[in-house]
Amino acid sequence: MQTLFQSEGIKYPLVRRGKVRDVYRVEDKRHLIIVACDRISAFDHVLPTPVPGKGEILTRMSNFWFDQTTHIVPNHLVDIDPVNSSDWHGHAERVCEALRGRTVLVKKAEPLPIEAIVRGYLVGSGWKEYCHTGSVCGISLTSGLAEADKLPEPLFTPSTKAGPGRHDENISLSKAVDLVGKEIAQKVKDLSLRLYTFAAEFAESRGIIIADTKFELGVTV
């Protein structure tokens, strides 16, 4: 299995390199090429040693869930195997071989300035807050819950979407309304809860627990 720390040799202009993904702009300016590399990040730092095949596995998992949830919300995927299209003629075969299985063509979208976090179990930072305040992200819970207990119902706990070098901060729904407006904030909450509930039930039927998750939503441009 090949290891790809960062993509090279692509004819499209590079937009940015994230912690894991490299993003390129297509000529029509309405689409992007996203390459999932094998980089590993921890606490906002990219580690020097990649994990072989990580980007391919990440891409397969992402594509699987995008396909499973199209009945709830449309997504940005246009082509999950663009490297084999005629647009890639002219690229060196070694470049194409390195990118297959980890590259997607997507619609360009304007990301919302909030991240949609849904918690289904009392773990992590939610558990720490509950121990001190009896609440999670300001949402009061019943007393007597233990660590890793399943919550009575999933909680929508949004956060800011911080830029490079900064950390996301948990915010209230009212603060999310201030950032994106009441209608969009409510839609993000409803979609996030539906997505989590569907995915959690799907996974649980196969012996897997999804304790919590984070969604990032945007508006196509």
N, C-alpha and C. Protein backbone atom coordinates (compact mmCIF):
# COMPACT_ATOMS: atom_id res chain seq x y z
N MET A 1 0.85 -1.20 0.00
CA MET A 1 0.00 0.00 0.00
C MET A 1 0.88 1.24 0.00
N GLN A 2 0.59 2.17 -0.92
CA GLN A 2 1.41 3.37 -1.04
C GLN A 2 1.19 4.32 0.14
N THR A 3 2.22 5.13 0.40
CA THR A 3 2.13 6.18 1.41
C THR A 3 2.23 7.52 0.71
N LEU A 4 1.30 8.43 1.03
CA LEU A 4 1.31 9.75 0.40
C LEU A 4 1.23 10.81 1.50
N PHE A 5 2.36 11.45 1.77
CA PHE A 5 2.37 12.51 2.79
C PHE A 5 1.70 13.76 2.26
N GLN A 6 1.99 14.12 1.01
CA GLN A 6 1.28 15.22 0.36
C GLN A 6 1.26 14.98 -1.13
N SER A 7 0.21 15.47 -1.78
CA SER A 7 0.05 15.25 -3.22
C SER A 7 0.96 16.16 -4.02
N GLU A 8 1.41 15.65 -5.15
CA GLU A 8 2.29 16.40 -6.04
C GLU A 8 1.94 16.07 -7.48
N GLY A 9 2.33 16.97 -8.40
CA GLY A 9 2.21 16.69 -9.83
C GLY A 9 0.82 16.86 -10.41
N ILE A 10 -0.09 17.54 -9.68
CA ILE A 10 -1.45 17.76 -10.18
C ILE A 10 -1.50 19.08 -10.95
N LYS A 11 -2.18 19.07 -12.09
CA LYS A 11 -2.16 20.24 -12.97
C LYS A 11 -3.03 21.39 -12.44
N TYR A 12 -3.92 21.10 -11.52
CA TYR A 12 -4.83 22.13 -11.01
C TYR A 12 -4.13 22.98 -9.95
N PRO A 13 -4.53 24.26 -9.81
CA PRO A 13 -3.93 25.13 -8.79
C PRO A 13 -4.25 24.64 -7.39
N LEU A 14 -3.23 24.62 -6.53
CA LEU A 14 -3.42 24.23 -5.14
C LEU A 14 -4.08 25.38 -4.38
N VAL A 15 -5.18 25.08 -3.70
CA VAL A 15 -5.88 26.07 -2.89
C VAL A 15 -5.30 26.09 -1.48
N ARG A 16 -5.17 24.91 -0.88
CA ARG A 16 -4.57 24.84 0.46
C ARG A 16 -4.26 23.40 0.82
N ARG A 17 -3.39 23.25 1.79
CA ARG A 17 -3.12 21.95 2.39
C ARG A 17 -3.63 22.00 3.82
N GLY A 18 -4.61 21.17 4.13
CA GLY A 18 -5.11 21.09 5.48
C GLY A 18 -4.28 20.12 6.30
N LYS A 19 -4.80 19.73 7.45
CA LYS A 19 -4.07 18.79 8.30
C LYS A 19 -3.97 17.43 7.63
N VAL A 20 -4.96 17.07 6.83
CA VAL A 20 -4.97 15.76 6.17
C VAL A 20 -5.20 15.89 4.66
N ARG A 21 -6.06 16.82 4.26
CA ARG A 21 -6.48 16.89 2.86
C ARG A 21 -5.82 18.05 2.11
N ASP A 22 -5.50 17.78 0.85
CA ASP A 22 -5.02 18.81 -0.08
C ASP A 22 -6.17 19.17 -1.01
N VAL A 23 -6.35 20.47 -1.26
CA VAL A 23 -7.49 20.95 -2.05
C VAL A 23 -7.00 21.71 -3.27
N TYR A 24 -7.56 21.37 -4.43
CA TYR A 24 -7.19 22.00 -5.69
C TYR A 24 -8.43 22.60 -6.36
N ARG A 25 -8.23 23.67 -7.12
CA ARG A 25 -9.33 24.34 -7.81
C ARG A 25 -9.38 23.90 -9.28
N VAL A 26 -10.56 23.50 -9.72
CA VAL A 26 -10.78 23.11 -11.11
C VAL A 26 -11.00 24.37 -11.95
N GLU A 27 -10.77 24.26 -13.26
CA GLU A 27 -10.82 25.44 -14.12
C GLU A 27 -12.16 26.18 -14.08
N ASP A 28 -13.27 25.45 -13.94
CA ASP A 28 -14.57 26.12 -13.97
C ASP A 28 -14.86 26.91 -12.70
N LYS A 29 -13.99 26.78 -11.69
CA LYS A 29 -14.09 27.51 -10.42
C LYS A 29 -15.35 27.18 -9.63
N ARG A 30 -16.10 26.17 -10.07
CA ARG A 30 -17.30 25.73 -9.33
C ARG A 30 -17.07 24.39 -8.64
N HIS A 31 -15.92 23.80 -8.94
CA HIS A 31 -15.61 22.49 -8.36
C HIS A 31 -14.20 22.48 -7.78
N LEU A 32 -13.97 21.52 -6.89
CA LEU A 32 -12.67 21.35 -6.27
C LEU A 32 -12.27 19.88 -6.36
N ILE A 33 -10.96 19.66 -6.33
CA ILE A 33 -10.40 18.32 -6.19
C ILE A 33 -9.88 18.22 -4.76
N ILE A 34 -10.30 17.18 -4.05
CA ILE A 34 -9.84 16.96 -2.68
C ILE A 34 -9.08 15.63 -2.62
N VAL A 35 -7.87 15.70 -2.10
CA VAL A 35 -7.02 14.51 -1.96
C VAL A 35 -6.80 14.25 -0.48
N ALA A 36 -7.19 13.07 -0.01
CA ALA A 36 -6.96 12.69 1.39
C ALA A 36 -5.60 12.02 1.49
N CYS A 37 -4.67 12.68 2.15
CA CYS A 37 -3.31 12.14 2.28
C CYS A 37 -3.20 11.28 3.54
N ASP A 38 -2.00 10.80 3.80
CA ASP A 38 -1.78 9.89 4.92
C ASP A 38 -1.21 10.61 6.14
N ARG A 39 -1.32 11.92 6.16
CA ARG A 39 -0.83 12.69 7.30
C ARG A 39 -1.67 12.42 8.55
N ILE A 40 -1.03 12.52 9.70
CA ILE A 40 -1.70 12.37 10.98
C ILE A 40 -1.52 13.67 11.76
N SER A 41 -2.60 14.16 12.37
CA SER A 41 -2.50 15.38 13.17
C SER A 41 -2.95 15.10 14.60
N ALA A 42 -2.37 15.82 15.53
CA ALA A 42 -2.75 15.73 16.93
C ALA A 42 -2.59 17.11 17.55
N PHE A 43 -3.65 17.58 18.18
CA PHE A 43 -3.64 18.90 18.82
C PHE A 43 -3.17 19.98 17.84
N ASP A 44 -3.73 19.90 16.61
CA ASP A 44 -3.48 20.89 15.57
C ASP A 44 -2.06 20.86 15.02
N HIS A 45 -1.32 19.81 15.27
CA HIS A 45 0.03 19.68 14.73
C HIS A 45 0.07 18.46 13.81
N VAL A 46 0.66 18.64 12.63
CA VAL A 46 0.82 17.52 11.70
C VAL A 46 2.09 16.78 12.09
N LEU A 47 1.97 15.49 12.34
CA LEU A 47 3.11 14.69 12.74
C LEU A 47 3.95 14.30 11.53
N PRO A 48 5.24 14.07 11.72
CA PRO A 48 6.12 13.85 10.56
C PRO A 48 5.99 12.47 9.91
N THR A 49 5.41 11.50 10.63
CA THR A 49 5.34 10.14 10.10
C THR A 49 3.91 9.81 9.66
N PRO A 50 3.67 9.62 8.37
CA PRO A 50 2.32 9.28 7.91
C PRO A 50 1.99 7.81 8.15
N VAL A 51 0.70 7.48 8.01
CA VAL A 51 0.24 6.10 8.15
C VAL A 51 -0.15 5.59 6.76
N PRO A 52 0.52 4.58 6.23
CA PRO A 52 0.24 4.11 4.88
C PRO A 52 -1.24 3.74 4.69
N GLY A 53 -1.85 4.28 3.64
CA GLY A 53 -3.22 3.94 3.30
C GLY A 53 -4.29 4.67 4.09
N LYS A 54 -3.91 5.51 5.04
CA LYS A 54 -4.90 6.20 5.87
C LYS A 54 -5.86 7.02 5.01
N GLY A 55 -5.33 7.75 4.03
CA GLY A 55 -6.16 8.60 3.20
C GLY A 55 -7.17 7.82 2.38
N GLU A 56 -6.77 6.64 1.90
CA GLU A 56 -7.69 5.79 1.14
C GLU A 56 -8.83 5.30 2.03
N ILE A 57 -8.48 4.86 3.23
CA ILE A 57 -9.51 4.36 4.16
C ILE A 57 -10.46 5.50 4.55
N LEU A 58 -9.90 6.67 4.84
CA LEU A 58 -10.71 7.83 5.20
C LEU A 58 -11.67 8.19 4.06
N THR A 59 -11.18 8.14 2.83
CA THR A 59 -12.02 8.47 1.68
C THR A 59 -13.14 7.45 1.51
N ARG A 60 -12.84 6.18 1.66
CA ARG A 60 -13.87 5.14 1.53
C ARG A 60 -14.93 5.28 2.61
N MET A 61 -14.52 5.57 3.83
CA MET A 61 -15.48 5.75 4.91
C MET A 61 -16.37 6.97 4.66
N SER A 62 -15.75 8.08 4.24
CA SER A 62 -16.51 9.29 3.97
C SER A 62 -17.51 9.08 2.85
N ASN A 63 -17.04 8.47 1.75
CA ASN A 63 -17.93 8.23 0.61
C ASN A 63 -19.08 7.31 1.00
N PHE A 64 -18.81 6.33 1.85
CA PHE A 64 -19.86 5.42 2.30
C PHE A 64 -20.96 6.19 3.02
N TRP A 65 -20.58 7.04 3.96
CA TRP A 65 -21.59 7.77 4.74
C TRP A 65 -22.30 8.83 3.90
N PHE A 66 -21.58 9.46 2.98
CA PHE A 66 -22.25 10.41 2.08
C PHE A 66 -23.33 9.69 1.27
N ASP A 67 -23.03 8.49 0.80
CA ASP A 67 -23.99 7.73 0.02
C ASP A 67 -25.18 7.30 0.88
N GLN A 68 -24.92 6.92 2.11
CA GLN A 68 -25.98 6.44 2.99
C GLN A 68 -26.94 7.54 3.44
N THR A 69 -26.49 8.78 3.42
CA THR A 69 -27.29 9.87 4.00
C THR A 69 -27.86 10.86 2.99
N THR A 70 -27.81 10.52 1.70
CA THR A 70 -28.34 11.46 0.70
C THR A 70 -29.84 11.68 0.85
N HIS A 71 -30.54 10.73 1.49
CA HIS A 71 -31.99 10.91 1.69
C HIS A 71 -32.28 11.94 2.79
N ILE A 72 -31.25 12.31 3.55
CA ILE A 72 -31.43 13.31 4.62
C ILE A 72 -30.97 14.69 4.15
N VAL A 73 -29.81 14.74 3.53
CA VAL A 73 -29.27 16.03 3.08
C VAL A 73 -28.35 15.77 1.88
N PRO A 74 -28.39 16.62 0.85
CA PRO A 74 -27.47 16.46 -0.27
C PRO A 74 -26.05 16.76 0.16
N ASN A 75 -25.07 16.21 -0.53
CA ASN A 75 -23.67 16.47 -0.20
C ASN A 75 -22.92 17.01 -1.41
N HIS A 76 -21.64 17.21 -1.23
CA HIS A 76 -20.82 17.89 -2.24
C HIS A 76 -20.20 16.97 -3.28
N LEU A 77 -20.34 15.65 -3.12
CA LEU A 77 -19.67 14.73 -4.03
C LEU A 77 -20.21 14.80 -5.45
N VAL A 78 -19.30 14.83 -6.41
CA VAL A 78 -19.65 14.80 -7.83
C VAL A 78 -19.12 13.52 -8.47
N ASP A 79 -17.87 13.17 -8.16
CA ASP A 79 -17.23 11.99 -8.74
C ASP A 79 -16.28 11.41 -7.70
N ILE A 80 -16.49 10.14 -7.32
CA ILE A 80 -15.63 9.53 -6.31
C ILE A 80 -14.41 8.85 -6.94
N ASP A 81 -14.28 8.93 -8.25
CA ASP A 81 -13.12 8.34 -8.93
C ASP A 81 -12.70 9.21 -10.11
N PRO A 82 -12.41 10.49 -9.87
CA PRO A 82 -12.13 11.40 -10.99
C PRO A 82 -10.81 11.13 -11.69
N VAL A 83 -9.88 10.44 -11.03
CA VAL A 83 -8.57 10.22 -11.63
C VAL A 83 -8.67 9.40 -12.91
N ASN A 84 -9.71 8.60 -13.05
CA ASN A 84 -9.87 7.78 -14.25
C ASN A 84 -10.64 8.49 -15.36
N SER A 85 -11.03 9.76 -15.15
CA SER A 85 -11.77 10.49 -16.18
C SER A 85 -10.81 11.08 -17.22
N SER A 86 -11.37 11.51 -18.35
CA SER A 86 -10.55 12.06 -19.43
C SER A 86 -9.85 13.35 -19.03
N ASP A 87 -10.39 14.05 -18.03
CA ASP A 87 -9.77 15.31 -17.58
C ASP A 87 -8.37 15.09 -17.02
N TRP A 88 -8.07 13.84 -16.64
CA TRP A 88 -6.78 13.58 -16.02
C TRP A 88 -5.74 13.06 -17.03
N HIS A 89 -6.13 13.00 -18.30
CA HIS A 89 -5.15 12.63 -19.32
C HIS A 89 -4.04 13.67 -19.35
N GLY A 90 -2.83 13.22 -19.44
CA GLY A 90 -1.70 14.14 -19.42
C GLY A 90 -0.94 14.10 -18.10
N HIS A 91 -1.62 13.61 -17.04
CA HIS A 91 -0.91 13.42 -15.78
C HIS A 91 -0.03 12.17 -15.88
N ALA A 92 1.11 12.21 -15.24
CA ALA A 92 1.98 11.03 -15.22
C ALA A 92 1.26 9.87 -14.54
N GLU A 93 1.49 8.67 -15.03
CA GLU A 93 0.82 7.49 -14.45
C GLU A 93 1.17 7.34 -12.97
N ARG A 94 2.41 7.68 -12.59
CA ARG A 94 2.78 7.56 -11.18
C ARG A 94 1.95 8.50 -10.31
N VAL A 95 1.60 9.67 -10.86
CA VAL A 95 0.76 10.61 -10.13
C VAL A 95 -0.64 10.04 -9.98
N CYS A 96 -1.19 9.53 -11.08
CA CYS A 96 -2.54 8.96 -11.03
C CYS A 96 -2.60 7.78 -10.09
N GLU A 97 -1.58 6.93 -10.14
CA GLU A 97 -1.57 5.75 -9.28
C GLU A 97 -1.55 6.13 -7.81
N ALA A 98 -0.82 7.19 -7.48
CA ALA A 98 -0.73 7.64 -6.08
C ALA A 98 -2.05 8.24 -5.60
N LEU A 99 -2.86 8.76 -6.53
CA LEU A 99 -4.07 9.48 -6.15
C LEU A 99 -5.33 8.63 -6.20
N ARG A 100 -5.29 7.49 -6.87
CA ARG A 100 -6.49 6.66 -6.98
C ARG A 100 -6.95 6.17 -5.61
N GLY A 101 -8.25 6.24 -5.41
CA GLY A 101 -8.81 5.76 -4.16
C GLY A 101 -8.82 6.76 -3.03
N ARG A 102 -8.17 7.90 -3.24
CA ARG A 102 -8.10 8.92 -2.19
C ARG A 102 -8.49 10.32 -2.69
N THR A 103 -9.01 10.36 -3.93
CA THR A 103 -9.30 11.65 -4.57
C THR A 103 -10.75 11.73 -4.98
N VAL A 104 -11.38 12.88 -4.73
CA VAL A 104 -12.78 13.09 -5.13
C VAL A 104 -12.93 14.46 -5.78
N LEU A 105 -13.91 14.55 -6.68
CA LEU A 105 -14.31 15.81 -7.29
C LEU A 105 -15.58 16.27 -6.58
N VAL A 106 -15.59 17.52 -6.11
CA VAL A 106 -16.73 17.98 -5.31
C VAL A 106 -17.21 19.35 -5.79
N LYS A 107 -18.44 19.68 -5.43
CA LYS A 107 -18.96 21.02 -5.65
C LYS A 107 -18.30 21.97 -4.66
N LYS A 108 -17.98 23.15 -5.13
CA LYS A 108 -17.44 24.16 -4.24
C LYS A 108 -18.57 24.71 -3.37
N ALA A 109 -18.31 24.91 -2.10
CA ALA A 109 -19.33 25.41 -1.18
C ALA A 109 -18.71 26.41 -0.22
N GLU A 110 -19.55 27.28 0.31
CA GLU A 110 -19.12 28.25 1.31
C GLU A 110 -19.44 27.64 2.68
N PRO A 111 -18.41 27.32 3.48
CA PRO A 111 -18.67 26.67 4.76
C PRO A 111 -19.33 27.62 5.76
N LEU A 112 -20.22 27.08 6.55
CA LEU A 112 -20.82 27.86 7.62
C LEU A 112 -19.79 28.06 8.72
N PRO A 113 -19.84 29.19 9.44
CA PRO A 113 -18.84 29.48 10.47
C PRO A 113 -19.10 28.77 11.81
N ILE A 114 -19.85 27.68 11.78
CA ILE A 114 -20.07 26.89 12.98
C ILE A 114 -19.88 25.42 12.64
N GLU A 115 -19.52 24.63 13.65
CA GLU A 115 -19.41 23.19 13.47
C GLU A 115 -20.54 22.55 14.26
N ALA A 116 -21.17 21.55 13.67
CA ALA A 116 -22.35 20.93 14.25
C ALA A 116 -21.96 19.65 14.97
N ILE A 117 -21.88 19.71 16.28
CA ILE A 117 -21.49 18.57 17.09
C ILE A 117 -22.73 17.96 17.72
N VAL A 118 -22.85 16.64 17.64
CA VAL A 118 -23.95 15.92 18.27
C VAL A 118 -23.35 14.89 19.21
N ARG A 119 -23.85 14.86 20.45
CA ARG A 119 -23.35 13.94 21.48
C ARG A 119 -24.46 12.96 21.86
N GLY A 120 -24.14 11.69 21.78
CA GLY A 120 -25.12 10.67 22.14
C GLY A 120 -24.79 9.96 23.44
N TYR A 121 -23.54 10.13 23.90
CA TYR A 121 -23.07 9.47 25.13
C TYR A 121 -22.30 10.47 25.98
N LEU A 122 -22.24 10.22 27.27
CA LEU A 122 -21.60 11.13 28.21
C LEU A 122 -20.12 10.77 28.33
N VAL A 123 -19.32 11.29 27.42
CA VAL A 123 -17.89 10.97 27.38
C VAL A 123 -17.08 12.24 27.10
N GLY A 124 -15.77 12.12 27.24
CA GLY A 124 -14.86 13.19 26.88
C GLY A 124 -15.08 14.47 27.66
N SER A 125 -15.02 15.58 26.94
CA SER A 125 -15.20 16.89 27.58
C SER A 125 -16.60 17.05 28.16
N GLY A 126 -17.58 16.36 27.55
CA GLY A 126 -18.94 16.42 28.08
C GLY A 126 -19.03 15.81 29.47
N TRP A 127 -18.32 14.70 29.67
CA TRP A 127 -18.30 14.05 30.98
C TRP A 127 -17.62 14.95 32.01
N LYS A 128 -16.51 15.57 31.63
CA LYS A 128 -15.79 16.45 32.55
C LYS A 128 -16.68 17.62 32.98
N GLU A 129 -17.38 18.22 32.03
CA GLU A 129 -18.26 19.33 32.37
C GLU A 129 -19.41 18.87 33.26
N TYR A 130 -19.96 17.71 32.94
CA TYR A 130 -21.08 17.19 33.74
C TYR A 130 -20.67 16.97 35.19
N CYS A 131 -19.45 16.48 35.40
CA CYS A 131 -18.97 16.25 36.77
C CYS A 131 -18.91 17.54 37.57
N HIS A 132 -18.62 18.65 36.91
CA HIS A 132 -18.47 19.92 37.61
C HIS A 132 -19.78 20.71 37.69
N THR A 133 -20.62 20.61 36.65
CA THR A 133 -21.78 21.50 36.58
C THR A 133 -23.12 20.77 36.45
N GLY A 134 -23.07 19.48 36.16
CA GLY A 134 -24.33 18.77 35.92
C GLY A 134 -24.93 19.06 34.56
N SER A 135 -24.13 19.64 33.68
CA SER A 135 -24.62 19.99 32.35
C SER A 135 -23.56 19.67 31.30
N VAL A 136 -23.95 19.69 30.03
CA VAL A 136 -23.04 19.53 28.91
C VAL A 136 -23.25 20.69 27.96
N CYS A 137 -22.21 21.49 27.79
CA CYS A 137 -22.31 22.68 26.94
C CYS A 137 -23.50 23.56 27.35
N GLY A 138 -23.71 23.66 28.66
CA GLY A 138 -24.77 24.50 29.18
C GLY A 138 -26.14 23.86 29.20
N ILE A 139 -26.27 22.63 28.70
CA ILE A 139 -27.56 21.93 28.70
C ILE A 139 -27.64 21.06 29.94
N SER A 140 -28.58 21.35 30.83
CA SER A 140 -28.70 20.61 32.09
C SER A 140 -29.16 19.18 31.85
N LEU A 141 -28.55 18.25 32.60
CA LEU A 141 -28.91 16.84 32.52
C LEU A 141 -29.34 16.34 33.89
N THR A 142 -30.01 15.21 33.90
CA THR A 142 -30.43 14.62 35.17
C THR A 142 -29.20 14.18 35.96
N SER A 143 -29.31 14.14 37.28
CA SER A 143 -28.20 13.75 38.14
C SER A 143 -28.04 12.23 38.14
N GLY A 144 -26.89 11.78 38.58
CA GLY A 144 -26.66 10.36 38.74
C GLY A 144 -26.18 9.62 37.52
N LEU A 145 -25.86 10.32 36.45
CA LEU A 145 -25.36 9.64 35.25
C LEU A 145 -23.91 9.25 35.44
N ALA A 146 -23.50 8.15 34.84
CA ALA A 146 -22.13 7.65 34.92
C ALA A 146 -21.40 7.93 33.62
N GLU A 147 -20.08 7.89 33.67
CA GLU A 147 -19.28 8.11 32.47
C GLU A 147 -19.64 7.07 31.41
N ALA A 148 -19.79 7.53 30.18
CA ALA A 148 -20.12 6.71 29.01
C ALA A 148 -21.57 6.26 28.98
N ASP A 149 -22.42 6.78 29.88
CA ASP A 149 -23.86 6.48 29.80
C ASP A 149 -24.42 7.04 28.49
N LYS A 150 -25.40 6.32 27.93
CA LYS A 150 -26.12 6.84 26.77
C LYS A 150 -27.05 7.95 27.26
N LEU A 151 -27.02 9.09 26.59
CA LEU A 151 -27.86 10.21 26.99
C LEU A 151 -29.33 9.92 26.68
N PRO A 152 -30.24 10.52 27.45
CA PRO A 152 -31.66 10.30 27.18
C PRO A 152 -32.05 10.59 25.74
N GLU A 153 -31.42 11.60 25.16
CA GLU A 153 -31.59 11.92 23.76
C GLU A 153 -30.34 12.63 23.28
N PRO A 154 -29.99 12.53 22.01
CA PRO A 154 -28.78 13.18 21.51
C PRO A 154 -28.84 14.70 21.71
N LEU A 155 -27.69 15.28 21.99
CA LEU A 155 -27.60 16.72 22.23
C LEU A 155 -26.88 17.41 21.07
N PHE A 156 -27.45 18.50 20.60
CA PHE A 156 -26.80 19.34 19.60
C PHE A 156 -26.00 20.40 20.34
N THR A 157 -24.67 20.36 20.20
CA THR A 157 -23.81 21.31 20.92
C THR A 157 -22.84 21.95 19.93
N PRO A 158 -23.23 23.02 19.28
CA PRO A 158 -22.39 23.63 18.24
C PRO A 158 -21.12 24.25 18.81
N SER A 159 -20.19 24.49 17.93
CA SER A 159 -18.96 25.19 18.31
C SER A 159 -18.60 26.17 17.20
N THR A 160 -17.67 27.06 17.51
CA THR A 160 -17.16 27.95 16.49
C THR A 160 -16.29 27.15 15.53
N LYS A 161 -16.07 27.68 14.36
CA LYS A 161 -15.16 27.06 13.39
C LYS A 161 -13.94 27.97 13.31
N ALA A 162 -12.95 27.66 14.14
CA ALA A 162 -11.79 28.52 14.26
C ALA A 162 -10.85 28.37 13.07
N GLY A 163 -10.09 29.42 12.81
CA GLY A 163 -9.11 29.41 11.73
C GLY A 163 -7.83 28.72 12.16
N PRO A 164 -6.83 28.66 11.26
CA PRO A 164 -5.56 28.01 11.57
C PRO A 164 -4.92 28.60 12.82
N GLY A 165 -4.41 27.70 13.69
CA GLY A 165 -3.73 28.14 14.89
C GLY A 165 -4.65 28.49 16.05
N ARG A 166 -5.95 28.43 15.82
CA ARG A 166 -6.90 28.74 16.88
C ARG A 166 -7.73 27.50 17.19
N HIS A 167 -8.41 27.51 18.33
CA HIS A 167 -9.18 26.36 18.75
C HIS A 167 -10.68 26.67 18.71
N ASP A 168 -11.46 25.66 18.29
CA ASP A 168 -12.92 25.81 18.32
C ASP A 168 -13.39 26.00 19.75
N GLU A 169 -14.47 26.73 19.92
CA GLU A 169 -15.04 26.94 21.24
C GLU A 169 -16.51 26.55 21.22
N ASN A 170 -16.94 25.83 22.24
CA ASN A 170 -18.35 25.47 22.36
C ASN A 170 -19.20 26.72 22.53
N ILE A 171 -20.33 26.75 21.85
CA ILE A 171 -21.22 27.91 21.93
C ILE A 171 -22.66 27.43 22.12
N SER A 172 -23.51 28.33 22.54
CA SER A 172 -24.93 28.01 22.71
C SER A 172 -25.64 28.10 21.37
N LEU A 173 -26.86 27.58 21.32
CA LEU A 173 -27.67 27.69 20.11
C LEU A 173 -27.95 29.15 19.80
N SER A 174 -28.16 29.96 20.83
CA SER A 174 -28.43 31.38 20.60
C SER A 174 -27.23 32.08 19.97
N LYS A 175 -26.02 31.67 20.36
CA LYS A 175 -24.82 32.24 19.75
C LYS A 175 -24.70 31.78 18.30
N ALA A 176 -25.08 30.54 18.03
CA ALA A 176 -25.07 30.04 16.66
C ALA A 176 -26.05 30.85 15.81
N VAL A 177 -27.19 31.21 16.40
CA VAL A 177 -28.17 32.06 15.70
C VAL A 177 -27.55 33.40 15.36
N ASP A 178 -26.78 33.96 16.28
CA ASP A 178 -26.11 35.24 16.03
C ASP A 178 -25.15 35.14 14.85
N LEU A 179 -24.53 33.97 14.69
CA LEU A 179 -23.51 33.80 13.65
C LEU A 179 -24.10 33.51 12.27
N VAL A 180 -25.17 32.72 12.22
CA VAL A 180 -25.68 32.30 10.91
C VAL A 180 -27.15 32.63 10.69
N GLY A 181 -27.82 33.16 11.70
CA GLY A 181 -29.24 33.46 11.55
C GLY A 181 -30.11 32.33 12.10
N LYS A 182 -31.32 32.68 12.50
CA LYS A 182 -32.21 31.72 13.16
C LYS A 182 -32.58 30.56 12.25
N GLU A 183 -32.95 30.85 11.00
CA GLU A 183 -33.41 29.80 10.10
C GLU A 183 -32.32 28.78 9.81
N ILE A 184 -31.11 29.26 9.50
CA ILE A 184 -30.02 28.34 9.17
C ILE A 184 -29.59 27.57 10.42
N ALA A 185 -29.51 28.24 11.57
CA ALA A 185 -29.10 27.56 12.80
C ALA A 185 -30.07 26.44 13.14
N GLN A 186 -31.34 26.68 12.99
CA GLN A 186 -32.33 25.64 13.29
C GLN A 186 -32.23 24.49 12.30
N LYS A 187 -31.98 24.83 11.03
CA LYS A 187 -31.85 23.79 10.01
C LYS A 187 -30.62 22.94 10.27
N VAL A 188 -29.53 23.58 10.67
CA VAL A 188 -28.30 22.84 10.99
C VAL A 188 -28.55 21.90 12.16
N LYS A 189 -29.24 22.39 13.18
CA LYS A 189 -29.55 21.55 14.34
C LYS A 189 -30.40 20.34 13.93
N ASP A 190 -31.46 20.59 13.18
CA ASP A 190 -32.37 19.51 12.78
C ASP A 190 -31.65 18.46 11.92
N LEU A 191 -30.88 18.93 10.93
CA LEU A 191 -30.16 18.01 10.05
C LEU A 191 -29.12 17.20 10.83
N SER A 192 -28.41 17.87 11.72
CA SER A 192 -27.36 17.19 12.49
C SER A 192 -27.93 16.09 13.37
N LEU A 193 -29.03 16.38 14.02
CA LEU A 193 -29.66 15.37 14.88
C LEU A 193 -30.20 14.20 14.05
N ARG A 194 -30.76 14.49 12.88
CA ARG A 194 -31.25 13.42 12.01
C ARG A 194 -30.10 12.57 11.50
N LEU A 195 -29.01 13.21 11.09
CA LEU A 195 -27.85 12.48 10.59
C LEU A 195 -27.26 11.59 11.68
N TYR A 196 -27.08 12.15 12.86
CA TYR A 196 -26.50 11.36 13.95
C TYR A 196 -27.39 10.18 14.32
N THR A 197 -28.68 10.43 14.45
CA THR A 197 -29.61 9.38 14.84
C THR A 197 -29.59 8.24 13.83
N PHE A 198 -29.62 8.59 12.54
CA PHE A 198 -29.58 7.58 11.49
C PHE A 198 -28.29 6.79 11.56
N ALA A 199 -27.14 7.49 11.62
CA ALA A 199 -25.84 6.82 11.61
C ALA A 199 -25.64 5.98 12.87
N ALA A 200 -26.07 6.49 14.02
CA ALA A 200 -25.89 5.76 15.27
C ALA A 200 -26.71 4.46 15.27
N GLU A 201 -27.93 4.53 14.76
CA GLU A 201 -28.77 3.33 14.70
C GLU A 201 -28.21 2.33 13.69
N PHE A 202 -27.74 2.83 12.55
CA PHE A 202 -27.13 1.97 11.53
C PHE A 202 -25.92 1.26 12.11
N ALA A 203 -25.05 2.01 12.79
CA ALA A 203 -23.83 1.42 13.35
C ALA A 203 -24.14 0.46 14.49
N GLU A 204 -25.09 0.83 15.34
CA GLU A 204 -25.42 -0.01 16.49
C GLU A 204 -25.93 -1.37 16.05
N SER A 205 -26.66 -1.40 14.94
CA SER A 205 -27.17 -2.68 14.44
C SER A 205 -26.05 -3.59 13.98
N ARG A 206 -24.85 -3.03 13.85
CA ARG A 206 -23.67 -3.80 13.43
C ARG A 206 -22.63 -3.87 14.55
N GLY A 207 -23.07 -3.58 15.78
CA GLY A 207 -22.19 -3.74 16.94
C GLY A 207 -21.22 -2.61 17.17
N ILE A 208 -21.48 -1.44 16.58
CA ILE A 208 -20.58 -0.29 16.72
C ILE A 208 -21.33 0.85 17.39
N ILE A 209 -20.69 1.50 18.37
CA ILE A 209 -21.28 2.66 19.05
C ILE A 209 -20.64 3.93 18.51
N ILE A 210 -21.45 4.86 18.05
CA ILE A 210 -20.96 6.20 17.69
C ILE A 210 -21.30 7.10 18.87
N ALA A 211 -20.30 7.40 19.68
CA ALA A 211 -20.54 8.17 20.90
C ALA A 211 -20.92 9.62 20.59
N ASP A 212 -20.24 10.20 19.64
CA ASP A 212 -20.54 11.58 19.22
C ASP A 212 -19.92 11.79 17.84
N THR A 213 -20.24 12.90 17.24
CA THR A 213 -19.70 13.17 15.91
C THR A 213 -19.78 14.66 15.62
N LYS A 214 -19.13 15.05 14.55
CA LYS A 214 -19.12 16.46 14.14
C LYS A 214 -19.42 16.55 12.65
N PHE A 215 -20.32 17.43 12.31
CA PHE A 215 -20.65 17.68 10.90
C PHE A 215 -20.22 19.09 10.53
N GLU A 216 -19.80 19.24 9.29
CA GLU A 216 -19.52 20.58 8.74
C GLU A 216 -20.41 20.77 7.53
N LEU A 217 -21.18 21.83 7.55
CA LEU A 217 -22.13 22.08 6.48
C LEU A 217 -21.78 23.39 5.77
N GLY A 218 -22.22 23.47 4.51
CA GLY A 218 -21.96 24.67 3.73
C GLY A 218 -23.06 24.90 2.71
N VAL A 219 -22.95 26.02 2.04
CA VAL A 219 -23.91 26.41 1.02
C VAL A 219 -23.17 26.44 -0.32
N THR A 220 -23.69 25.74 -1.33
CA THR A 220 -23.03 25.71 -2.63
C THR A 220 -23.02 27.11 -3.24
N VAL A 221 -21.93 27.39 -3.96
CA VAL A 221 -21.76 28.72 -4.56
C VAL A 221 -21.76 28.61 -6.08
